[in-house]
Amino acid sequence: MTETKPSVNAAAITLPEPAELARLLGVAPQTVRVHEPHLFVGDARPLIEYTAFRSEDVLSHVLGSGWEKSKEEIELRALDGYFVRVPVAKLKQHRAYFAVARADGSPFMVDNPAQQESNLPLGPYYLIWDNVSDPALIRDGATHWPYQVSTVALRAPAMHSLLPDGIAPAYQRHAELAQKYCLSCHLVNGYGGDKMPINLADRVKRLSEPAFLTWVLDPAAVDAYTAMPAMAPMLPQAEREQIARDLYDYFLQLPVHQ
């Protein structure tokens, strides 16, 4: 069989309906048990079972064979404008699934206390990770767990957008942190998510460092009704504070483009 090499410049592909995907794959979704990170409160790690397709089966069908050999990123966009870039390397290292239902037949929804939201629809697809067999994933909390996923694409890393001319290469790690923790909902000069599309290259320059750190680490302290979750709540506080300071430094360096 000739290997199909997916194009990193191809348009995003809309995922078929779950029943059609099962027919195309020739397999039924399996039961996957995970610690549901949207429900983490303190030390509580609730377990939920979903029915889900293996990510490698879905991506091979949608993108063609060969995607797993690339050094690119899988771009997932949700119906609500949420945007995620997951490194192919992470998908190869850890087991991920595209969930389509709750295994117990209850509504395919989840509460998200961190964003003060209840009964959030998860469909058509919800990317979940086996953090039961691989507890190291618990550190990431709900990072890279997008729900309402509707499209998939293979993309080259966006360093050209996140490290424009004039920004020192030493800021690459900072740019990667911004993509991981900020750009699912927000933007940097047009790159990122549409859920809350403010340009952080501009907005952060209007904030003092203490104000930015408070917004990032404890947004409810600034606005009790905000839907913005606290950044990386599963990490040690000192590590969270260092990431927040690095992000502030990075956003101050970025030029502003409309």
C-alpha atoms as a PDB file:
ATOM      1  CA  MET A   1       0.000   0.000   0.000  1.00  0.00           C
ATOM      2  CA  THR A   2       1.280   3.477  -0.853  1.00  0.00           C
ATOM      3  CA  GLU A   3       1.569   5.695   2.180  1.00  0.00           C
ATOM      4  CA  THR A   4      -0.564   8.815   2.060  1.00  0.00           C
ATOM      5  CA  LYS A   5       1.316  11.858   3.308  1.00  0.00           C
ATOM      6  CA  PRO A   6      -1.043  14.422   4.809  1.00  0.00           C
ATOM      7  CA  SER A   7      -0.581  18.042   3.802  1.00  0.00           C
ATOM      8  CA  VAL A   8       0.079  20.612   6.515  1.00  0.00           C
ATOM      9  CA  ASN A   9      -1.514  23.260   4.275  1.00  0.00           C
ATOM     10  CA  ALA A  10      -4.775  21.401   3.644  1.00  0.00           C
ATOM     11  CA  ALA A  11      -8.068  22.898   4.755  1.00  0.00           C
ATOM     12  CA  ALA A  12      -9.487  21.735   8.070  1.00  0.00           C
ATOM     13  CA  ILE A  13     -11.616  18.615   7.718  1.00  0.00           C
ATOM     14  CA  THR A  14     -15.052  18.377   9.291  1.00  0.00           C
ATOM     15  CA  LEU A  15     -15.435  15.176  11.260  1.00  0.00           C
ATOM     16  CA  PRO A  16     -18.313  12.904  10.196  1.00  0.00           C
ATOM     17  CA  GLU A  17     -21.158  12.187  12.575  1.00  0.00           C
ATOM     18  CA  PRO A  18     -20.219   9.505  15.155  1.00  0.00           C
ATOM     19  CA  ALA A  19     -22.475   6.831  13.623  1.00  0.00           C
ATOM     20  CA  GLU A  20     -20.995   7.486  10.183  1.00  0.00           C
ATOM     21  CA  LEU A  21     -17.475   7.452  11.618  1.00  0.00           C
ATOM     22  CA  ALA A  22     -18.133   4.040  13.184  1.00  0.00           C
ATOM     23  CA  ARG A  23     -19.288   2.772   9.792  1.00  0.00           C
ATOM     24  CA  LEU A  24     -16.259   4.218   8.010  1.00  0.00           C
ATOM     25  CA  LEU A  25     -13.807   2.849  10.570  1.00  0.00           C
ATOM     26  CA  GLY A  26     -15.527  -0.505  10.802  1.00  0.00           C
ATOM     27  CA  VAL A  27     -15.286  -0.446  14.602  1.00  0.00           C
ATOM     28  CA  ALA A  28     -17.594   0.521  17.414  1.00  0.00           C
ATOM     29  CA  PRO A  29     -16.424   3.001  20.038  1.00  0.00           C
ATOM     30  CA  GLN A  30     -14.949   1.419  23.161  1.00  0.00           C
ATOM     31  CA  THR A  31     -15.442   2.225  26.830  1.00  0.00           C
ATOM     32  CA  VAL A  32     -12.691   4.439  28.256  1.00  0.00           C
ATOM     33  CA  ARG A  33     -12.435   5.313  31.952  1.00  0.00           C
ATOM     34  CA  VAL A  34     -10.778   8.627  32.821  1.00  0.00           C
ATOM     35  CA  HIS A  35     -10.366  11.072  35.662  1.00  0.00           C
ATOM     36  CA  GLU A  36     -12.577  13.903  34.400  1.00  0.00           C
ATOM     37  CA  PRO A  37     -10.369  17.030  34.737  1.00  0.00           C
ATOM     38  CA  HIS A  38     -13.214  19.510  34.357  1.00  0.00           C
ATOM     39  CA  LEU A  39     -14.550  18.157  37.655  1.00  0.00           C
ATOM     40  CA  PHE A  40     -11.307  18.333  39.626  1.00  0.00           C
ATOM     41  CA  VAL A  41     -11.860  20.173  42.903  1.00  0.00           C
ATOM     42  CA  GLY A  42      -9.051  20.079  45.429  1.00  0.00           C
ATOM     43  CA  ASP A  43      -7.875  16.466  45.643  1.00  0.00           C
ATOM     44  CA  ALA A  44     -11.081  15.054  44.119  1.00  0.00           C
ATOM     45  CA  ARG A  45     -10.481  13.129  40.861  1.00  0.00           C
ATOM     46  CA  PRO A  46     -13.920  11.909  39.712  1.00  0.00           C
ATOM     47  CA  LEU A  47     -13.943   8.904  37.380  1.00  0.00           C
ATOM     48  CA  ILE A  48     -16.222   8.875  34.335  1.00  0.00           C
ATOM     49  CA  GLU A  49     -16.583   6.304  31.582  1.00  0.00           C
ATOM     50  CA  TYR A  50     -17.012   7.476  28.004  1.00  0.00           C
ATOM     51  CA  THR A  51     -17.504   5.589  24.765  1.00  0.00           C
ATOM     52  CA  ALA A  52     -14.789   6.706  22.379  1.00  0.00           C
ATOM     53  CA  PHE A  53     -12.771   5.977  19.253  1.00  0.00           C
ATOM     54  CA  ARG A  54      -8.989   5.657  19.421  1.00  0.00           C
ATOM     55  CA  SER A  55      -7.379   8.891  18.254  1.00  0.00           C
ATOM     56  CA  GLU A  56      -4.989   7.061  15.926  1.00  0.00           C
ATOM     57  CA  ASP A  57      -7.918   5.414  14.112  1.00  0.00           C
ATOM     58  CA  VAL A  58      -9.782   8.704  13.703  1.00  0.00           C
ATOM     59  CA  LEU A  59      -6.750  10.703  12.604  1.00  0.00           C
ATOM     60  CA  SER A  60      -5.550   8.044  10.153  1.00  0.00           C
ATOM     61  CA  HIS A  61      -8.987   7.998   8.546  1.00  0.00           C
ATOM     62  CA  VAL A  62      -9.337  11.781   8.406  1.00  0.00           C
ATOM     63  CA  LEU A  63      -5.754  12.814   7.629  1.00  0.00           C
ATOM     64  CA  GLY A  64      -4.496   9.688   5.883  1.00  0.00           C
ATOM     65  CA  SER A  65      -1.654   7.447   6.916  1.00  0.00           C
ATOM     66  CA  GLY A  66       1.645   9.083   7.736  1.00  0.00           C
ATOM     67  CA  TRP A  67       0.393  11.822  10.060  1.00  0.00           C
ATOM     68  CA  GLU A  68       1.961  10.068  13.064  1.00  0.00           C
ATOM     69  CA  LYS A  69       5.424  10.263  11.464  1.00  0.00           C
ATOM     70  CA  SER A  70       5.363  14.024  11.136  1.00  0.00           C
ATOM     71  CA  LYS A  71       6.746  16.639  13.526  1.00  0.00           C
ATOM     72  CA  GLU A  72       3.648  18.777  13.125  1.00  0.00           C
ATOM     73  CA  GLU A  73       0.646  19.557  15.310  1.00  0.00           C
ATOM     74  CA  ILE A  74      -2.948  18.379  15.212  1.00  0.00           C
ATOM     75  CA  GLU A  75      -5.256  21.378  15.122  1.00  0.00           C
ATOM     76  CA  LEU A  76      -8.699  20.866  16.654  1.00  0.00           C
ATOM     77  CA  ARG A  77     -11.413  23.506  16.518  1.00  0.00           C
ATOM     78  CA  ALA A  78     -14.604  23.457  18.536  1.00  0.00           C
ATOM     79  CA  LEU A  79     -18.076  24.763  17.785  1.00  0.00           C
ATOM     80  CA  ASP A  80     -17.699  27.461  20.466  1.00  0.00           C
ATOM     81  CA  GLY A  81     -14.479  28.859  18.945  1.00  0.00           C
ATOM     82  CA  TYR A  82     -12.105  26.971  21.243  1.00  0.00           C
ATOM     83  CA  PHE A  83      -8.847  26.098  19.489  1.00  0.00           C
ATOM     84  CA  VAL A  84      -6.173  23.548  20.370  1.00  0.00           C
ATOM     85  CA  ARG A  85      -2.868  22.537  18.796  1.00  0.00           C
ATOM     86  CA  VAL A  86      -1.735  19.131  20.105  1.00  0.00           C
ATOM     87  CA  PRO A  87       1.809  18.036  19.162  1.00  0.00           C
ATOM     88  CA  VAL A  88       1.863  14.791  17.205  1.00  0.00           C
ATOM     89  CA  ALA A  89       4.595  13.648  19.606  1.00  0.00           C
ATOM     90  CA  LYS A  90       2.165  13.863  22.549  1.00  0.00           C
ATOM     91  CA  LEU A  91      -0.433  11.779  20.707  1.00  0.00           C
ATOM     92  CA  LYS A  92       2.225   9.163  20.020  1.00  0.00           C
ATOM     93  CA  GLN A  93       3.420   9.124  23.634  1.00  0.00           C
ATOM     94  CA  HIS A  94       0.037   9.034  25.379  1.00  0.00           C
ATOM     95  CA  ARG A  95      -3.287   7.354  24.632  1.00  0.00           C
ATOM     96  CA  ALA A  96      -6.015   9.751  23.498  1.00  0.00           C
ATOM     97  CA  TYR A  97      -9.562   9.127  22.312  1.00  0.00           C
ATOM     98  CA  PHE A  98     -12.392  10.958  20.581  1.00  0.00           C
ATOM     99  CA  ALA A  99     -15.328  10.452  22.940  1.00  0.00           C
ATOM    100  CA  VAL A 100     -18.872  10.500  21.576  1.00  0.00           C
ATOM    101  CA  ALA A 101     -21.071   9.556  24.549  1.00  0.00           C
ATOM    102  CA  ARG A 102     -21.223   8.733  28.238  1.00  0.00           C
ATOM    103  CA  ALA A 103     -20.930   4.985  28.724  1.00  0.00           C
ATOM    104  CA  ASP A 104     -23.806   4.915  31.234  1.00  0.00           C
ATOM    105  CA  GLY A 105     -26.208   6.498  28.753  1.00  0.00           C
ATOM    106  CA  SER A 106     -26.520   9.771  30.657  1.00  0.00           C
ATOM    107  CA  PRO A 107     -26.429  13.036  28.676  1.00  0.00           C
ATOM    108  CA  PHE A 108     -23.124  13.708  26.923  1.00  0.00           C
ATOM    109  CA  MET A 109     -22.408  16.762  29.030  1.00  0.00           C
ATOM    110  CA  VAL A 110     -20.050  17.927  31.748  1.00  0.00           C
ATOM    111  CA  ASP A 111     -19.986  20.625  34.387  1.00  0.00           C
ATOM    112  CA  ASN A 112     -17.050  23.016  34.284  1.00  0.00           C
ATOM    113  CA  PRO A 113     -16.890  24.732  37.688  1.00  0.00           C
ATOM    114  CA  ALA A 114     -13.623  26.486  36.797  1.00  0.00           C
ATOM    115  CA  GLN A 115     -15.543  28.446  34.154  1.00  0.00           C
ATOM    116  CA  GLN A 116     -18.772  28.646  36.151  1.00  0.00           C
ATOM    117  CA  GLU A 117     -20.614  26.599  33.535  1.00  0.00           C
ATOM    118  CA  SER A 118     -22.946  23.621  33.951  1.00  0.00           C
ATOM    119  CA  ASN A 119     -24.342  20.983  31.612  1.00  0.00           C
ATOM    120  CA  LEU A 120     -21.942  21.798  28.794  1.00  0.00           C
ATOM    121  CA  PRO A 121     -22.609  19.739  25.649  1.00  0.00           C
ATOM    122  CA  LEU A 122     -19.485  17.739  24.755  1.00  0.00           C
ATOM    123  CA  GLY A 123     -20.452  16.616  21.251  1.00  0.00           C
ATOM    124  CA  PRO A 124     -19.906  16.031  18.509  1.00  0.00           C
ATOM    125  CA  TYR A 125     -16.471  14.938  19.817  1.00  0.00           C
ATOM    126  CA  TYR A 126     -14.546  15.344  23.048  1.00  0.00           C
ATOM    127  CA  LEU A 127     -10.804  14.636  23.077  1.00  0.00           C
ATOM    128  CA  ILE A 128      -9.958  12.688  26.233  1.00  0.00           C
ATOM    129  CA  TRP A 129      -6.718  11.148  27.547  1.00  0.00           C
ATOM    130  CA  ASP A 130      -6.098   7.953  29.496  1.00  0.00           C
ATOM    131  CA  ASN A 131      -4.969   9.626  32.702  1.00  0.00           C
ATOM    132  CA  VAL A 132      -5.910   6.531  34.697  1.00  0.00           C
ATOM    133  CA  SER A 133      -3.238   4.287  33.185  1.00  0.00           C
ATOM    134  CA  ASP A 134      -0.941   7.286  32.732  1.00  0.00           C
ATOM    135  CA  PRO A 135      -1.361   9.467  35.867  1.00  0.00           C
ATOM    136  CA  ALA A 136       1.393  11.846  34.733  1.00  0.00           C
ATOM    137  CA  LEU A 137      -1.296  13.369  32.495  1.00  0.00           C
ATOM    138  CA  ILE A 138      -3.158  14.598  35.568  1.00  0.00           C
ATOM    139  CA  ARG A 139      -0.602  17.429  35.834  1.00  0.00           C
ATOM    140  CA  ASP A 140      -2.092  18.962  32.698  1.00  0.00           C
ATOM    141  CA  GLY A 141      -5.597  19.084  34.129  1.00  0.00           C
ATOM    142  CA  ALA A 142      -8.024  19.941  31.299  1.00  0.00           C
ATOM    143  CA  THR A 143      -5.319  21.273  28.975  1.00  0.00           C
ATOM    144  CA  HIS A 144      -5.690  19.543  25.587  1.00  0.00           C
ATOM    145  CA  TRP A 145      -9.174  18.230  26.511  1.00  0.00           C
ATOM    146  CA  PRO A 146     -11.288  20.207  23.996  1.00  0.00           C
ATOM    147  CA  TYR A 147     -14.992  19.450  23.742  1.00  0.00           C
ATOM    148  CA  GLN A 148     -17.436  20.220  20.913  1.00  0.00           C
ATOM    149  CA  VAL A 149     -14.628  19.341  18.464  1.00  0.00           C
ATOM    150  CA  SER A 150     -15.872  19.584  14.885  1.00  0.00           C
ATOM    151  CA  THR A 151     -12.799  19.943  12.634  1.00  0.00           C
ATOM    152  CA  VAL A 152      -9.303  18.476  12.425  1.00  0.00           C
ATOM    153  CA  ALA A 153      -6.199  19.557  10.489  1.00  0.00           C
ATOM    154  CA  LEU A 154      -2.475  18.880  10.411  1.00  0.00           C
ATOM    155  CA  ARG A 155      -0.485  22.087  10.806  1.00  0.00           C
ATOM    156  CA  ALA A 156       3.126  23.179  10.978  1.00  0.00           C
ATOM    157  CA  PRO A 157       4.114  24.697  14.354  1.00  0.00           C
ATOM    158  CA  ALA A 158       3.114  28.343  14.487  1.00  0.00           C
ATOM    159  CA  MET A 159       6.430  29.790  15.587  1.00  0.00           C
ATOM    160  CA  HIS A 160       6.334  32.247  12.663  1.00  0.00           C
ATOM    161  CA  SER A 161       3.247  33.792  14.300  1.00  0.00           C
ATOM    162  CA  LEU A 162       4.435  33.477  17.886  1.00  0.00           C
ATOM    163  CA  LEU A 163       8.084  34.433  17.340  1.00  0.00           C
ATOM    164  CA  PRO A 164       8.006  37.217  14.734  1.00  0.00           C
ATOM    165  CA  ASP A 165      11.090  39.041  13.537  1.00  0.00           C
ATOM    166  CA  GLY A 166      12.827  40.890  16.340  1.00  0.00           C
ATOM    167  CA  ILE A 167      11.905  38.428  19.108  1.00  0.00           C
ATOM    168  CA  ALA A 168      14.868  36.539  20.543  1.00  0.00           C
ATOM    169  CA  PRO A 169      14.880  32.759  19.926  1.00  0.00           C
ATOM    170  CA  ALA A 170      15.203  32.334  23.684  1.00  0.00           C
ATOM    171  CA  TYR A 171      11.484  33.149  23.882  1.00  0.00           C
ATOM    172  CA  GLN A 172      10.459  29.941  22.090  1.00  0.00           C
ATOM    173  CA  ARG A 173       9.612  28.213  25.364  1.00  0.00           C
ATOM    174  CA  HIS A 174       7.529  31.226  26.368  1.00  0.00           C
ATOM    175  CA  ALA A 175       5.694  31.072  23.032  1.00  0.00           C
ATOM    176  CA  GLU A 176       4.979  27.376  23.569  1.00  0.00           C
ATOM    177  CA  LEU A 177       3.558  28.158  27.006  1.00  0.00           C
ATOM    178  CA  ALA A 178       1.338  30.843  25.486  1.00  0.00           C
ATOM    179  CA  GLN A 179      -0.011  28.393  22.922  1.00  0.00           C
ATOM    180  CA  LYS A 180      -0.624  25.759  25.582  1.00  0.00           C
ATOM    181  CA  TYR A 181      -2.259  27.935  28.218  1.00  0.00           C
ATOM    182  CA  CYS A 182      -3.619  31.067  26.518  1.00  0.00           C
ATOM    183  CA  LEU A 183      -4.370  30.678  22.827  1.00  0.00           C
ATOM    184  CA  SER A 184      -7.147  28.136  23.084  1.00  0.00           C
ATOM    185  CA  CYS A 185      -9.470  31.078  23.734  1.00  0.00           C
ATOM    186  CA  HIS A 186      -7.393  34.193  22.986  1.00  0.00           C
ATOM    187  CA  LEU A 187      -5.257  35.474  20.102  1.00  0.00           C
ATOM    188  CA  VAL A 188      -1.788  36.738  19.332  1.00  0.00           C
ATOM    189  CA  ASN A 189      -2.081  39.061  16.338  1.00  0.00           C
ATOM    190  CA  GLY A 190      -4.800  36.949  14.713  1.00  0.00           C
ATOM    191  CA  TYR A 191      -3.458  33.509  15.647  1.00  0.00           C
ATOM    192  CA  GLY A 192      -5.353  31.435  18.198  1.00  0.00           C
ATOM    193  CA  GLY A 193      -8.907  30.775  19.350  1.00  0.00           C
ATOM    194  CA  ASP A 194     -12.150  32.646  18.807  1.00  0.00           C
ATOM    195  CA  LYS A 195     -13.895  31.898  22.094  1.00  0.00           C
ATOM    196  CA  MET A 196     -12.631  35.156  23.629  1.00  0.00           C
ATOM    197  CA  PRO A 197     -10.673  36.719  20.738  1.00  0.00           C
ATOM    198  CA  ILE A 198      -8.745  39.489  22.480  1.00  0.00           C
ATOM    199  CA  ASN A 199      -5.236  40.177  21.188  1.00  0.00           C
ATOM    200  CA  LEU A 200      -2.901  39.414  24.085  1.00  0.00           C
ATOM    201  CA  ALA A 201       0.004  41.130  22.319  1.00  0.00           C
ATOM    202  CA  ASP A 202      -1.971  44.337  22.864  1.00  0.00           C
ATOM    203  CA  ARG A 203      -4.069  43.723  25.976  1.00  0.00           C
ATOM    204  CA  VAL A 204      -1.287  42.520  28.280  1.00  0.00           C
ATOM    205  CA  LYS A 205       0.742  45.684  27.659  1.00  0.00           C
ATOM    206  CA  ARG A 206      -2.016  47.608  29.435  1.00  0.00           C
ATOM    207  CA  LEU A 207      -1.642  45.558  32.609  1.00  0.00           C
ATOM    208  CA  SER A 208       0.906  45.701  35.391  1.00  0.00           C
ATOM    209  CA  GLU A 209       2.685  42.463  36.147  1.00  0.00           C
ATOM    210  CA  PRO A 210       0.801  41.970  39.463  1.00  0.00           C
ATOM    211  CA  ALA A 211      -2.517  42.572  37.704  1.00  0.00           C
ATOM    212  CA  PHE A 212      -1.650  40.080  34.957  1.00  0.00           C
ATOM    213  CA  LEU A 213      -0.525  37.446  37.454  1.00  0.00           C
ATOM    214  CA  THR A 214      -3.764  37.789  39.389  1.00  0.00           C
ATOM    215  CA  TRP A 215      -5.830  37.469  36.215  1.00  0.00           C
ATOM    216  CA  VAL A 216      -3.954  34.349  35.158  1.00  0.00           C
ATOM    217  CA  LEU A 217      -3.588  32.615  38.512  1.00  0.00           C
ATOM    218  CA  ASP A 218      -6.867  33.573  40.227  1.00  0.00           C
ATOM    219  CA  PRO A 219      -9.221  35.246  37.735  1.00  0.00           C
ATOM    220  CA  ALA A 220     -12.211  34.967  40.076  1.00  0.00           C
ATOM    221  CA  ALA A 221     -10.403  37.340  42.445  1.00  0.00           C
ATOM    222  CA  VAL A 222     -10.654  40.000  39.734  1.00  0.00           C
ATOM    223  CA  ASP A 223     -14.128  39.147  38.446  1.00  0.00           C
ATOM    224  CA  ALA A 224     -16.304  36.784  40.434  1.00  0.00           C
ATOM    225  CA  TYR A 225     -18.398  36.070  37.316  1.00  0.00           C
ATOM    226  CA  THR A 226     -15.604  35.511  34.821  1.00  0.00           C
ATOM    227  CA  ALA A 227     -15.635  32.373  32.666  1.00  0.00           C
ATOM    228  CA  MET A 228     -11.832  32.388  32.557  1.00  0.00           C
ATOM    229  CA  PRO A 229     -10.353  29.411  34.439  1.00  0.00           C
ATOM    230  CA  ALA A 230      -7.243  29.618  36.581  1.00  0.00           C
ATOM    231  CA  MET A 231      -4.138  28.607  34.656  1.00  0.00           C
ATOM    232  CA  ALA A 232      -2.687  25.117  35.264  1.00  0.00           C
ATOM    233  CA  PRO A 233      -4.304  24.575  38.687  1.00  0.00           C
ATOM    234  CA  MET A 234      -2.757  21.100  38.994  1.00  0.00           C
ATOM    235  CA  LEU A 235       0.804  22.427  39.018  1.00  0.00           C
ATOM    236  CA  PRO A 236       2.669  23.545  42.171  1.00  0.00           C
ATOM    237  CA  GLN A 237       2.001  27.189  42.973  1.00  0.00           C
ATOM    238  CA  ALA A 238       5.632  28.235  42.508  1.00  0.00           C
ATOM    239  CA  GLU A 239       5.669  26.692  39.034  1.00  0.00           C
ATOM    240  CA  ARG A 240       2.383  28.392  38.126  1.00  0.00           C
ATOM    241  CA  GLU A 241       3.751  31.765  39.218  1.00  0.00           C
ATOM    242  CA  GLN A 242       6.923  31.303  37.173  1.00  0.00           C
ATOM    243  CA  ILE A 243       4.907  30.391  34.061  1.00  0.00           C
ATOM    244  CA  ALA A 244       2.726  33.464  34.579  1.00  0.00           C
ATOM    245  CA  ARG A 245       5.778  35.730  34.882  1.00  0.00           C
ATOM    246  CA  ASP A 246       7.303  34.184  31.754  1.00  0.00           C
ATOM    247  CA  LEU A 247       4.072  34.761  29.861  1.00  0.00           C
ATOM    248  CA  TYR A 248       3.933  38.396  30.950  1.00  0.00           C
ATOM    249  CA  ASP A 249       7.508  38.972  29.824  1.00  0.00           C
ATOM    250  CA  TYR A 250       6.768  37.297  26.484  1.00  0.00           C
ATOM    251  CA  PHE A 251       3.621  39.294  25.730  1.00  0.00           C
ATOM    252  CA  LEU A 252       5.462  42.542  26.507  1.00  0.00           C
ATOM    253  CA  GLN A 253       8.031  41.684  23.806  1.00  0.00           C
ATOM    254  CA  LEU A 254       5.531  41.017  21.044  1.00  0.00           C
ATOM    255  CA  PRO A 255       4.790  43.703  18.457  1.00  0.00           C
ATOM    256  CA  VAL A 256       1.119  44.493  17.967  1.00  0.00           C
ATOM    257  CA  HIS A 257      -0.438  43.842  14.569  1.00  0.00           C
ATOM    258  CA  GLN A 258      -4.100  44.297  13.736  1.00  0.00           C
END
